[in-house]
């Protein structure tokens, strides 16, 4: 902010200085021809500056400001004695010659090029490296400030570089992107403020290098899940081992024994060959369907740890989709607010992950009332087979809670409804406060009343046959996977 203010002050001072000088000399001039000469001088000074700024984006730098201040201050002596005039004209000519000589050292526009290397897909909240290469193909050295045209949602660190370019040289700048919002963005620029050799001029260069960047929900958790699944260490993510009800006869794989496994599943022949307890894993024979309904309305606009409730819901949805697809289930998605934004029919295979990512990465919460009727009508028209229908939403007031009860409760029987309700941590903090005086007491009482009403709504949903998962947004992923595994183990579908 200070840097921008200083640059603006430089331009303002240089623009006002000729006018100030002409005003001081105007009153001392008695002959019309002298006044005409002064006007010609001011115009002759202003026109080149405006031409350089408009056509070549070359502006006076701070060195020229201070150098030009010398004849400006010397011209004050003309108010006392006209004999000072020759010295002032000499200083003016010297400054003009120095400015013209230094102007020749400003880098040419087409002599500077740039290349940017980065990933097109960026994960939300994760750091991603960007490599910017700036090449000076000309023979003029210069000092420059380099700033890439990164949207503010991507938060580059660092956001500006300083470098002295030699003739026919190149420089590589590295910075990291920390995306705070999903969606499709474009990195433009880069932008250079190149200084002349003696620092009297500065040229602003905008290089045309456009790089599209798509910010997806956090994908690194999928990779971590895959690694821990191969090592049978999913408990590190909070995923519990669920014992199946009944037996499945289709063999899947051999793996190391883990305490708690059924002794009947031990493969003694493999154990003797490996000299290590080995058990057989079995997979379920039927392929089941999961359908996610994600509310993108006003209930999902609150932020937790820099991410909206919708971001947390999409992260958990993608994680569970990956788990379900690895188990052979079909997964679909429907995003809605006041209209249905996207619909991905339930399908199997890992290619479905790409469809889910492309459909959800640019979805943002809107300050509108959600139309549950449109969402569930669309679901009834396009998903007829029995599925696990998971609704991600938030209960704020009686208006949306009645709609959730009505439409989600009507699914029981035909589908298996699961309501994922996100908690507001601030309400719980108000209830758990130890302050008992002033407005804190009334705030705590209001928060307790809200939580009581909320629990009653969840109990009503449970009595209608709706499965409920009530969790904080930042802790949603592991409980959601555990609920899905428990549903499969109990054969509720």
Protein backbone atom coordinates (compact mmCIF):
# COMPACT_ATOMS: atom_id res chain seq x y z
CA UNK A 1 0.00 0.00 0.00
CA UNK A 2 2.83 2.40 0.86
CA UNK A 3 4.62 1.46 -2.36
CA UNK A 4 1.56 2.30 -4.47
CA UNK A 5 1.09 5.60 -2.66
CA UNK A 6 4.73 6.53 -3.28
CA UNK A 7 4.40 5.80 -7.02
CA UNK A 8 1.25 7.88 -7.24
CA UNK A 9 3.01 10.71 -5.43
CA UNK A 10 5.89 10.58 -7.88
CA UNK A 11 3.61 10.96 -10.88
CA UNK A 12 1.60 13.70 -9.23
CA UNK A 13 4.70 15.69 -8.28
CA UNK A 14 6.15 15.44 -11.77
CA UNK A 15 2.84 16.54 -13.32
CA UNK A 16 2.41 19.51 -10.98
CA UNK A 17 6.03 20.71 -11.09
CA UNK A 18 5.89 22.31 -14.61
CA UNK A 19 2.57 23.97 -13.83
CA UNK A 20 3.91 25.29 -10.54
CA UNK A 21 6.97 26.70 -12.27
CA UNK A 22 4.85 28.38 -14.97
CA UNK A 23 2.55 29.88 -12.33
CA UNK A 24 5.48 31.33 -10.40
CA UNK A 25 6.95 32.91 -13.52
CA UNK A 26 3.63 34.10 -14.94
CA UNK A 27 3.31 37.00 -12.56
CA UNK A 28 6.89 38.14 -13.20
CA UNK A 29 6.46 38.21 -16.98
CA UNK A 30 5.39 41.63 -18.25
CA UNK A 31 5.73 41.17 -21.98
CA UNK A 32 3.29 38.99 -23.98
CA UNK A 33 6.09 37.28 -25.90
CA UNK A 34 7.65 36.10 -22.62
CA UNK A 35 4.33 34.62 -21.55
CA UNK A 36 4.06 32.87 -24.90
CA UNK A 37 7.50 31.36 -24.46
CA UNK A 38 6.50 30.06 -21.03
CA UNK A 39 3.37 28.43 -22.42
CA UNK A 40 5.40 26.81 -25.18
CA UNK A 41 7.86 25.50 -22.60
CA UNK A 42 5.14 23.94 -20.48
CA UNK A 43 3.52 22.33 -23.52
CA UNK A 44 6.87 21.12 -24.82
CA UNK A 45 7.48 19.45 -21.44
CA UNK A 46 4.02 17.96 -20.95
CA UNK A 47 3.39 16.53 -24.43
CA UNK A 48 6.43 14.20 -24.49
CA UNK A 49 5.61 12.94 -21.00
CA UNK A 50 2.00 12.22 -21.93
CA UNK A 51 3.09 10.54 -25.16
CA UNK A 52 5.55 8.29 -23.35
CA UNK A 53 2.94 7.37 -20.76
CA UNK A 54 0.07 6.75 -23.19
CA UNK A 55 1.88 4.94 -26.00
CA UNK A 56 4.91 3.36 -24.38
CA UNK A 57 3.91 3.17 -20.67
CA UNK A 58 7.10 4.97 -19.67
CA UNK A 59 6.86 7.20 -16.61
CA UNK A 60 9.29 9.38 -14.69
CA UNK A 61 10.89 7.46 -11.83
CA UNK A 62 11.86 8.90 -8.47
CA UNK A 63 15.38 9.72 -9.69
CA UNK A 64 13.99 12.11 -12.30
CA UNK A 65 11.68 13.62 -9.71
CA UNK A 66 14.56 14.54 -7.44
CA UNK A 67 16.73 15.66 -10.36
CA UNK A 68 13.92 17.84 -11.72
CA UNK A 69 13.45 19.42 -8.31
CA UNK A 70 16.84 21.17 -8.66
CA UNK A 71 15.83 23.63 -11.45
CA UNK A 72 12.40 24.01 -9.83
CA UNK A 73 13.99 25.24 -6.61
CA UNK A 74 16.53 27.34 -8.53
CA UNK A 75 13.71 29.07 -10.43
CA UNK A 76 12.51 30.58 -7.15
CA UNK A 77 15.57 32.84 -7.33
CA UNK A 78 14.11 34.46 -10.47
CA UNK A 79 11.51 36.07 -8.23
CA UNK A 80 14.36 37.94 -6.56
CA UNK A 81 16.69 38.65 -9.46
CA UNK A 82 16.30 38.08 -13.23
CA UNK A 83 20.06 37.39 -13.46
CA UNK A 84 19.40 33.87 -12.20
CA UNK A 85 17.52 33.02 -15.41
CA UNK A 86 20.57 31.81 -17.44
CA UNK A 87 21.53 29.41 -14.64
CA UNK A 88 17.96 28.07 -14.51
CA UNK A 89 17.89 27.54 -18.27
CA UNK A 90 21.22 25.76 -18.06
CA UNK A 91 19.92 23.47 -15.31
CA UNK A 92 16.78 22.80 -17.35
CA UNK A 93 18.87 21.85 -20.36
CA UNK A 94 21.14 19.63 -18.28
CA UNK A 95 18.18 17.77 -16.77
CA UNK A 96 16.63 17.39 -20.20
CA UNK A 97 19.83 15.98 -21.72
CA UNK A 98 20.28 13.56 -18.80
CA UNK A 99 16.67 12.43 -19.12
CA UNK A 100 17.03 11.84 -22.87
CA UNK A 101 20.27 9.91 -22.44
CA UNK A 102 18.80 7.71 -19.69
CA UNK A 103 15.60 7.22 -21.70
CA UNK A 104 17.64 5.36 -24.28
CA UNK A 105 18.51 2.68 -21.66
CA UNK A 106 14.88 1.76 -20.99
CA UNK A 107 14.31 -1.88 -22.13
CA UNK A 108 12.37 -2.44 -25.31
CA UNK A 109 8.94 -3.98 -25.05
CA UNK A 110 9.54 -6.92 -27.39
CA UNK A 111 12.92 -7.74 -25.83
CA UNK A 112 11.32 -9.18 -22.67
CA UNK A 113 9.43 -12.48 -22.75
CA UNK A 114 8.18 -14.89 -20.10
CA UNK A 115 7.22 -18.54 -19.68
CA UNK A 116 5.17 -19.95 -16.79
CA UNK A 117 5.20 -23.59 -15.67
CA UNK A 118 2.65 -24.92 -13.20
CA UNK A 119 0.02 -27.59 -12.73
CA UNK A 120 -3.36 -26.93 -14.25
CA UNK A 121 -5.17 -28.63 -11.37
CA UNK A 122 -4.69 -27.17 -7.90
CA UNK A 123 -6.03 -28.58 -4.64
CA UNK A 124 -7.92 -26.32 -2.29
CA UNK A 125 -5.82 -25.14 0.66
CA UNK A 126 -2.68 -26.96 -0.52
CA UNK A 127 0.54 -25.34 -1.70
CA UNK A 128 1.40 -25.68 -5.40
CA UNK A 129 4.65 -24.51 -6.95
CA UNK A 130 4.80 -22.09 -9.89
CA UNK A 131 7.94 -21.42 -11.90
CA UNK A 132 8.10 -18.14 -13.81
CA UNK A 133 10.96 -17.61 -16.27
CA UNK A 134 11.59 -14.06 -17.55
CA UNK A 135 14.01 -13.64 -20.47
CA UNK A 136 15.76 -10.40 -21.46
CA UNK A 137 16.67 -10.95 -25.14
CA UNK A 138 17.91 -7.36 -25.58
CA UNK A 139 21.33 -5.83 -25.04
CA UNK A 140 20.16 -3.33 -22.41
CA UNK A 141 20.54 -4.29 -18.74
CA UNK A 142 17.89 -3.11 -16.33
CA UNK A 143 16.56 -3.53 -12.80
CA UNK A 144 12.92 -4.63 -12.48
CA UNK A 145 10.20 -5.46 -10.01
CA UNK A 146 8.32 -8.57 -11.17
CA UNK A 147 4.79 -9.44 -10.12
CA UNK A 148 2.73 -12.26 -11.61
CA UNK A 149 -0.93 -11.69 -12.45
CA UNK A 150 -2.31 -14.16 -9.91
CA UNK A 151 -5.94 -13.67 -8.76
CA UNK A 152 -6.17 -12.77 -5.09
CA UNK A 153 -8.08 -15.99 -4.35
CA UNK A 154 -4.92 -17.99 -5.08
CA UNK A 155 -2.72 -16.02 -2.63
CA UNK A 156 0.81 -16.19 -4.12
CA UNK A 157 3.73 -16.28 -1.69
CA UNK A 158 5.85 -14.24 -2.29
CA UNK A 159 3.85 -11.91 -4.49
CA UNK A 160 6.71 -9.73 -5.83
CA UNK A 161 10.35 -10.18 -6.85
CA UNK A 162 13.25 -7.82 -7.47
CA UNK A 163 15.99 -8.69 -9.93
CA UNK A 164 18.70 -7.06 -12.02
CA UNK A 165 18.65 -8.41 -15.56
CA UNK A 166 21.84 -8.43 -17.55
CA UNK A 167 21.98 -8.23 -21.33
CA UNK A 168 20.65 -11.42 -22.95
CA UNK A 169 19.96 -13.08 -19.63
CA UNK A 170 17.13 -14.95 -17.95
CA UNK A 171 15.82 -15.25 -14.42
CA UNK A 172 13.67 -17.94 -12.80
CA UNK A 173 11.25 -16.96 -10.04
CA UNK A 174 9.50 -19.56 -7.89
CA UNK A 175 6.48 -18.98 -5.69
CA UNK A 176 3.67 -21.04 -4.20
CA UNK A 177 -0.08 -20.82 -4.71
CA UNK A 178 -2.38 -21.33 -1.73
CA UNK A 179 -5.89 -21.45 -3.13
CA UNK A 180 -8.63 -20.30 -0.78
CA UNK A 181 -11.49 -20.80 -3.20
CA UNK A 182 -12.48 -23.45 -5.70
CA UNK A 183 -13.25 -22.63 -9.31
CA UNK A 184 -11.70 -21.83 -12.67
CA UNK A 185 -9.10 -19.05 -12.67
CA UNK A 186 -6.57 -17.65 -15.10
CA UNK A 187 -3.10 -16.35 -14.26
CA UNK A 188 -2.28 -13.41 -16.52
CA UNK A 189 0.79 -11.24 -16.86
CA UNK A 190 3.45 -11.24 -15.61
CA UNK A 191 3.87 -7.52 -14.97
CA UNK A 192 7.26 -5.81 -14.80
CA UNK A 193 8.26 -2.35 -13.62
CA UNK A 194 11.62 -1.97 -15.36
CA UNK A 195 13.91 0.87 -14.30
CA UNK A 196 16.37 2.58 -16.61
CA UNK A 197 20.10 2.40 -15.97
CA UNK A 198 20.33 5.60 -13.87
CA UNK A 199 16.85 5.28 -12.38
CA UNK A 200 15.28 8.32 -14.09
CA UNK A 201 12.58 6.35 -15.95
CA UNK A 202 10.41 3.34 -15.30
CA UNK A 203 8.60 1.27 -17.90
CA UNK A 204 5.59 -0.89 -17.13
CA UNK A 205 5.53 -4.10 -19.16
CA UNK A 206 2.53 -6.42 -19.28
CA UNK A 207 3.55 -9.72 -20.86
CA UNK A 208 0.83 -11.84 -22.42
CA UNK A 209 1.18 -15.26 -20.76
CA UNK A 210 -2.21 -16.74 -19.81
CA UNK A 211 -2.32 -19.95 -17.75
CA UNK A 212 -5.66 -21.53 -16.79
CA UNK A 213 -5.83 -22.98 -13.28
CA UNK A 214 -8.67 -25.11 -11.92
CA UNK A 215 -8.91 -25.25 -8.15
CA UNK A 216 -10.46 -28.57 -7.11
CA UNK A 217 -11.40 -29.72 -3.62
CA UNK A 218 -8.57 -31.27 -1.63
CA UNK A 219 -7.37 -34.27 -3.69
CA UNK A 220 -4.36 -35.19 -1.60
CA UNK A 221 -6.58 -36.89 0.96
CA UNK A 222 -7.54 -39.41 -1.74
CA UNK A 223 -3.90 -40.31 -2.30
CA UNK A 224 -3.34 -40.66 1.43
CA UNK A 225 -6.37 -42.92 1.75
CA UNK A 226 -5.12 -45.16 -1.08
CA UNK A 227 -1.69 -45.51 0.55
CA UNK A 228 -3.12 -46.29 3.99
CA UNK A 229 -5.62 -48.74 2.48
CA UNK A 230 -2.80 -50.73 0.89
CA UNK A 231 -1.00 -50.79 4.25
CA UNK A 232 -4.20 -51.60 6.22
CA UNK A 233 -3.65 -48.48 8.33
CA UNK A 234 -6.95 -46.69 7.73
CA UNK A 235 -7.32 -46.24 11.48
CA UNK A 236 -4.87 -43.34 11.12
CA UNK A 237 -7.63 -41.48 9.25
CA UNK A 238 -10.22 -42.36 11.89
CA UNK A 239 -11.81 -45.11 9.76
CA UNK A 240 -12.95 -48.01 11.93
CA UNK A 241 -12.89 -51.64 10.94
CA UNK A 242 -16.47 -52.86 10.61
CA UNK A 243 -17.35 -56.51 11.05
CA UNK A 244 -19.69 -57.76 8.35
CA UNK A 245 -23.03 -59.34 9.18
CA UNK A 246 -23.15 -62.67 7.34
CA UNK A 247 -20.55 -64.02 4.93
CA UNK A 248 -19.61 -63.09 1.36
CA UNK A 249 -18.12 -65.86 -0.72
CA UNK A 250 -16.24 -63.96 -3.47
CA UNK A 251 -12.51 -63.94 -2.75
CA UNK A 252 -10.82 -60.54 -3.10
CA UNK A 253 -7.21 -60.70 -1.84
CA UNK A 254 -4.73 -61.96 0.75
CA UNK A 255 -3.41 -59.65 3.42
CA UNK A 256 -1.58 -59.67 6.75
CA UNK A 257 -3.48 -60.68 9.84
CA UNK A 258 -4.72 -57.86 12.06
CA UNK A 259 -5.90 -58.44 15.65
CA UNK A 260 -9.67 -58.81 15.54
CA UNK A 261 -9.85 -60.75 12.27
CA UNK A 262 -11.91 -63.93 12.15
CA UNK A 263 -9.73 -66.99 12.65
CA UNK A 264 -11.81 -68.84 10.04
CA UNK A 265 -10.42 -66.52 7.36
CA UNK A 266 -6.78 -67.46 8.02
CA UNK A 267 -5.14 -69.03 4.96
CA UNK A 268 -2.86 -71.60 6.58
CA UNK A 269 -1.13 -72.58 3.35
CA UNK A 270 -0.11 -68.96 2.63
CA UNK A 271 0.78 -68.51 6.28
CA UNK A 272 3.18 -71.48 6.15
CA UNK A 273 4.72 -70.28 2.90
CA UNK A 274 5.19 -66.68 4.11
CA UNK A 275 5.86 -67.63 7.76
CA UNK A 276 3.46 -64.85 8.67
CA UNK A 277 -0.22 -64.98 9.56
CA UNK A 278 -2.22 -64.29 6.39
CA UNK A 279 -5.99 -63.93 6.06
CA UNK A 280 -8.37 -63.97 3.11
CA UNK A 281 -10.49 -60.92 2.28
CA UNK A 282 -13.91 -61.30 0.69
CA UNK A 283 -15.80 -58.72 -1.27
CA UNK A 284 -19.52 -58.17 -1.39
CA UNK A 285 -21.22 -59.61 -4.42
CA UNK A 286 -23.77 -56.89 -5.15
CA UNK A 287 -22.98 -53.46 -6.55
CA UNK A 288 -24.84 -50.76 -4.64
CA UNK A 289 -25.63 -47.14 -5.51
CA UNK A 290 -24.87 -43.91 -3.69
CA UNK A 291 -26.53 -40.64 -4.62
CA UNK A 292 -25.26 -37.39 -3.11
CA UNK A 293 -27.52 -34.33 -2.83
CA UNK A 294 -25.44 -31.26 -1.96
CA UNK A 295 -27.21 -28.11 -0.82
CA UNK A 296 -25.56 -25.02 -2.35
CA UNK A 297 -27.97 -22.46 -0.85
CA UNK A 298 -27.77 -19.97 1.98
CA UNK A 299 -27.42 -22.66 4.67
CA UNK A 300 -23.94 -23.55 3.40
CA UNK A 301 -22.37 -20.07 3.33
CA UNK A 302 -20.83 -20.08 6.82
CA UNK A 303 -17.06 -20.44 7.02
CA UNK A 304 -15.00 -22.75 9.23
CA UNK A 305 -11.19 -22.53 9.16
CA UNK A 306 -11.29 -20.41 6.01
CA UNK A 307 -13.56 -22.83 4.09
CA UNK A 308 -17.31 -22.65 3.62
CA UNK A 309 -19.58 -25.44 4.76
CA UNK A 310 -20.02 -26.34 1.11
CA UNK A 311 -16.25 -26.82 0.74
CA UNK A 312 -16.17 -29.20 3.70
CA UNK A 313 -19.18 -31.08 2.33
CA UNK A 314 -17.62 -31.49 -1.11
CA UNK A 315 -14.32 -32.68 0.37
CA UNK A 316 -16.10 -35.36 2.39
CA UNK A 317 -18.33 -36.28 -0.58
CA UNK A 318 -15.34 -36.81 -2.88
CA UNK A 319 -13.54 -38.88 -0.27
CA UNK A 320 -16.53 -41.16 0.24
CA UNK A 321 -17.02 -41.38 -3.53
CA UNK A 322 -13.48 -42.63 -3.91
CA UNK A 323 -14.00 -45.23 -1.18
CA UNK A 324 -17.31 -46.40 -2.69
CA UNK A 325 -15.90 -46.64 -6.21
CA UNK A 326 -12.97 -48.73 -5.00
CA UNK A 327 -15.51 -51.14 -3.51
CA UNK A 328 -17.38 -51.46 -6.80
CA UNK A 329 -20.38 -49.26 -5.98
CA UNK A 330 -21.96 -46.69 -8.29
CA UNK A 331 -21.87 -43.03 -7.26
CA UNK A 332 -23.90 -40.04 -8.48
CA UNK A 333 -24.18 -36.34 -7.61
CA UNK A 334 -26.85 -33.63 -7.65
CA UNK A 335 -26.02 -30.03 -6.66
CA UNK A 336 -28.88 -27.59 -6.12
CA UNK A 337 -29.90 -24.27 -4.59
CA UNK A 338 -32.81 -22.34 -6.11
CA UNK A 339 -32.33 -24.58 -9.16
CA UNK A 340 -30.61 -27.81 -10.07
CA UNK A 341 -27.05 -26.86 -10.99
CA UNK A 342 -25.61 -30.20 -12.04
CA UNK A 343 -26.57 -33.86 -12.15
CA UNK A 344 -24.16 -36.78 -12.55
CA UNK A 345 -25.97 -40.13 -12.98
CA UNK A 346 -24.73 -42.89 -10.68
CA UNK A 347 -22.07 -45.03 -12.35
CA UNK A 348 -19.23 -47.28 -11.33
CA UNK A 349 -15.52 -47.41 -12.27
CA UNK A 350 -12.87 -44.89 -11.29
CA UNK A 351 -13.64 -42.73 -14.33
CA UNK A 352 -16.64 -41.49 -12.37
CA UNK A 353 -14.26 -39.58 -10.08
CA UNK A 354 -13.32 -37.27 -12.95
CA UNK A 355 -16.98 -36.60 -13.69
CA UNK A 356 -17.66 -35.79 -10.03
CA UNK A 357 -14.65 -33.47 -9.84
CA UNK A 358 -15.56 -31.55 -12.99
CA UNK A 359 -19.16 -31.18 -11.83
CA UNK A 360 -18.33 -29.89 -8.34
CA UNK A 361 -15.11 -27.86 -8.48
CA UNK A 362 -16.83 -24.61 -9.55
CA UNK A 363 -19.89 -24.85 -7.32
CA UNK A 364 -20.23 -22.05 -4.75
CA UNK A 365 -22.86 -21.32 -2.09
CA UNK A 366 -25.49 -18.77 -3.07
CA UNK A 367 -27.53 -16.49 -0.81
CA UNK A 368 -30.82 -17.94 -1.99
CA UNK A 369 -33.48 -20.20 -0.54
CA UNK A 370 -32.87 -23.81 -1.53
CA UNK A 371 -35.59 -25.54 -3.56
CA UNK A 372 -35.73 -29.02 -2.08
CA UNK A 373 -38.82 -29.79 -4.14
CA UNK A 374 -36.92 -29.35 -7.41
CA UNK A 375 -34.00 -31.46 -6.19
CA UNK A 376 -36.10 -34.38 -5.00
CA UNK A 377 -38.35 -34.29 -8.08
CA UNK A 378 -35.23 -34.48 -10.25
CA UNK A 379 -33.98 -37.36 -8.12
CA UNK A 380 -37.27 -39.24 -8.42
CA UNK A 381 -37.32 -38.81 -12.21
CA UNK A 382 -33.73 -39.94 -12.87
CA UNK A 383 -32.83 -42.35 -10.04
CA UNK A 384 -35.39 -45.13 -9.74
CA UNK A 385 -33.31 -47.96 -8.29
CA UNK A 386 -32.86 -48.18 -4.54
CA UNK A 387 -29.88 -46.06 -3.46
CA UNK A 388 -28.25 -44.57 -0.43
CA UNK A 389 -29.36 -40.93 -0.81
CA UNK A 390 -27.05 -38.66 1.22
CA UNK A 391 -28.15 -35.06 1.72
CA UNK A 392 -25.54 -32.51 2.85
CA UNK A 393 -27.20 -29.51 4.45
CA UNK A 394 -27.39 -27.33 7.54
CA UNK A 395 -30.35 -26.68 9.82
CA UNK A 396 -30.72 -22.99 10.63
CA UNK A 397 -34.40 -22.20 10.99
CA UNK A 398 -37.81 -23.85 10.87
CA UNK A 399 -38.33 -23.03 7.19
CA UNK A 400 -35.60 -25.26 5.84
CA UNK A 401 -35.93 -27.85 8.64
CA UNK A 402 -39.57 -28.53 7.70
CA UNK A 403 -38.59 -29.04 4.07
CA UNK A 404 -35.77 -31.39 5.04
CA UNK A 405 -38.15 -33.41 7.21
CA UNK A 406 -40.79 -33.55 4.50
CA UNK A 407 -38.71 -34.52 1.48
CA UNK A 408 -36.01 -36.60 3.15
CA UNK A 409 -38.55 -38.47 5.26
CA UNK A 410 -40.62 -39.38 2.18
CA UNK A 411 -37.64 -41.25 0.73
CA UNK A 412 -37.68 -43.88 3.49
CA UNK A 413 -38.77 -47.20 2.06
CA UNK A 414 -37.99 -46.54 -1.57
CA UNK A 415 -34.44 -45.36 -0.88
CA UNK A 416 -32.20 -45.33 2.19
CA UNK A 417 -31.96 -41.65 3.23
CA UNK A 418 -28.95 -40.33 5.12
CA UNK A 419 -28.99 -36.76 6.39
CA UNK A 420 -25.55 -35.23 6.93
CA UNK A 421 -26.17 -32.18 9.12
CA UNK A 422 -23.27 -29.83 9.77
CA UNK A 423 -22.82 -28.25 13.17
CA UNK A 424 -22.01 -24.63 13.91
CA UNK A 425 -19.10 -24.65 16.33
CA UNK A 426 -19.79 -21.08 17.49
CA UNK A 427 -23.17 -22.10 18.88
CA UNK A 428 -21.55 -24.86 20.93
CA UNK A 429 -18.89 -22.41 22.16
CA UNK A 430 -21.61 -20.05 23.38
CA UNK A 431 -23.22 -22.89 25.35
CA UNK A 432 -19.95 -24.04 26.89
CA UNK A 433 -18.86 -20.56 28.00
CA UNK A 434 -18.12 -20.01 31.68
CA UNK A 435 -19.24 -16.38 31.71
CA UNK A 436 -22.42 -15.83 33.74
CA UNK A 437 -22.79 -12.05 33.61
CA UNK A 438 -24.05 -9.50 31.11
CA UNK A 439 -24.97 -10.40 27.55
CA UNK A 440 -22.92 -13.64 27.68
CA UNK A 441 -25.61 -15.27 29.84
CA UNK A 442 -28.39 -14.39 27.38
CA UNK A 443 -26.26 -15.48 24.44
CA UNK A 444 -25.61 -18.83 26.12
CA UNK A 445 -29.33 -19.31 26.81
CA UNK A 446 -30.24 -18.52 23.20
CA UNK A 447 -27.60 -20.97 21.92
CA UNK A 448 -28.90 -23.70 24.26
CA UNK A 449 -32.42 -23.16 22.95
CA UNK A 450 -31.22 -23.45 19.35
CA UNK A 451 -29.40 -26.71 20.11
CA UNK A 452 -32.47 -28.11 21.86
CA UNK A 453 -34.65 -27.29 18.85
CA UNK A 454 -32.05 -28.80 16.55
CA UNK A 455 -31.89 -32.06 18.47
CA UNK A 456 -35.68 -32.32 18.33
CA UNK A 457 -35.60 -31.97 14.54
CA UNK A 458 -32.97 -34.71 14.28
CA UNK A 459 -35.03 -37.02 16.50
CA UNK A 460 -38.09 -36.44 14.31
CA UNK A 461 -36.06 -37.34 11.24
CA UNK A 462 -34.77 -40.49 12.92
CA UNK A 463 -38.31 -41.64 13.79
CA UNK A 464 -39.21 -41.33 10.08
CA UNK A 465 -36.48 -43.82 9.15
CA UNK A 466 -33.79 -41.31 8.17
CA UNK A 467 -30.20 -42.06 9.17
CA UNK A 468 -28.56 -39.00 10.74
CA UNK A 469 -24.92 -37.95 10.85
CA UNK A 470 -24.43 -34.84 12.97
CA UNK A 471 -20.81 -33.67 12.88
CA UNK A 472 -18.59 -30.61 12.83
CA UNK A 473 -17.57 -29.69 9.26
CA UNK A 474 -13.83 -30.07 9.77
CA UNK A 475 -14.29 -33.59 11.24
CA UNK A 476 -16.82 -34.87 8.73
CA UNK A 477 -14.80 -37.19 6.47
CA UNK A 478 -13.96 -40.08 8.80
CA UNK A 479 -17.43 -40.37 10.43
CA UNK A 480 -19.05 -40.30 6.98
CA UNK A 481 -16.87 -43.17 5.73
CA UNK A 482 -17.55 -45.13 8.93
CA UNK A 483 -21.29 -44.65 8.46
CA UNK A 484 -21.07 -45.91 4.88
CA UNK A 485 -19.06 -48.98 5.92
CA UNK A 486 -21.53 -49.72 8.71
CA UNK A 487 -24.44 -49.52 6.24
CA UNK A 488 -22.72 -51.96 3.89
CA UNK A 489 -21.84 -54.31 6.75
CA UNK A 490 -25.46 -54.39 7.96
CA UNK A 491 -26.78 -54.87 4.37
CA UNK A 492 -29.25 -52.02 4.81
CA UNK A 493 -29.34 -51.43 1.04
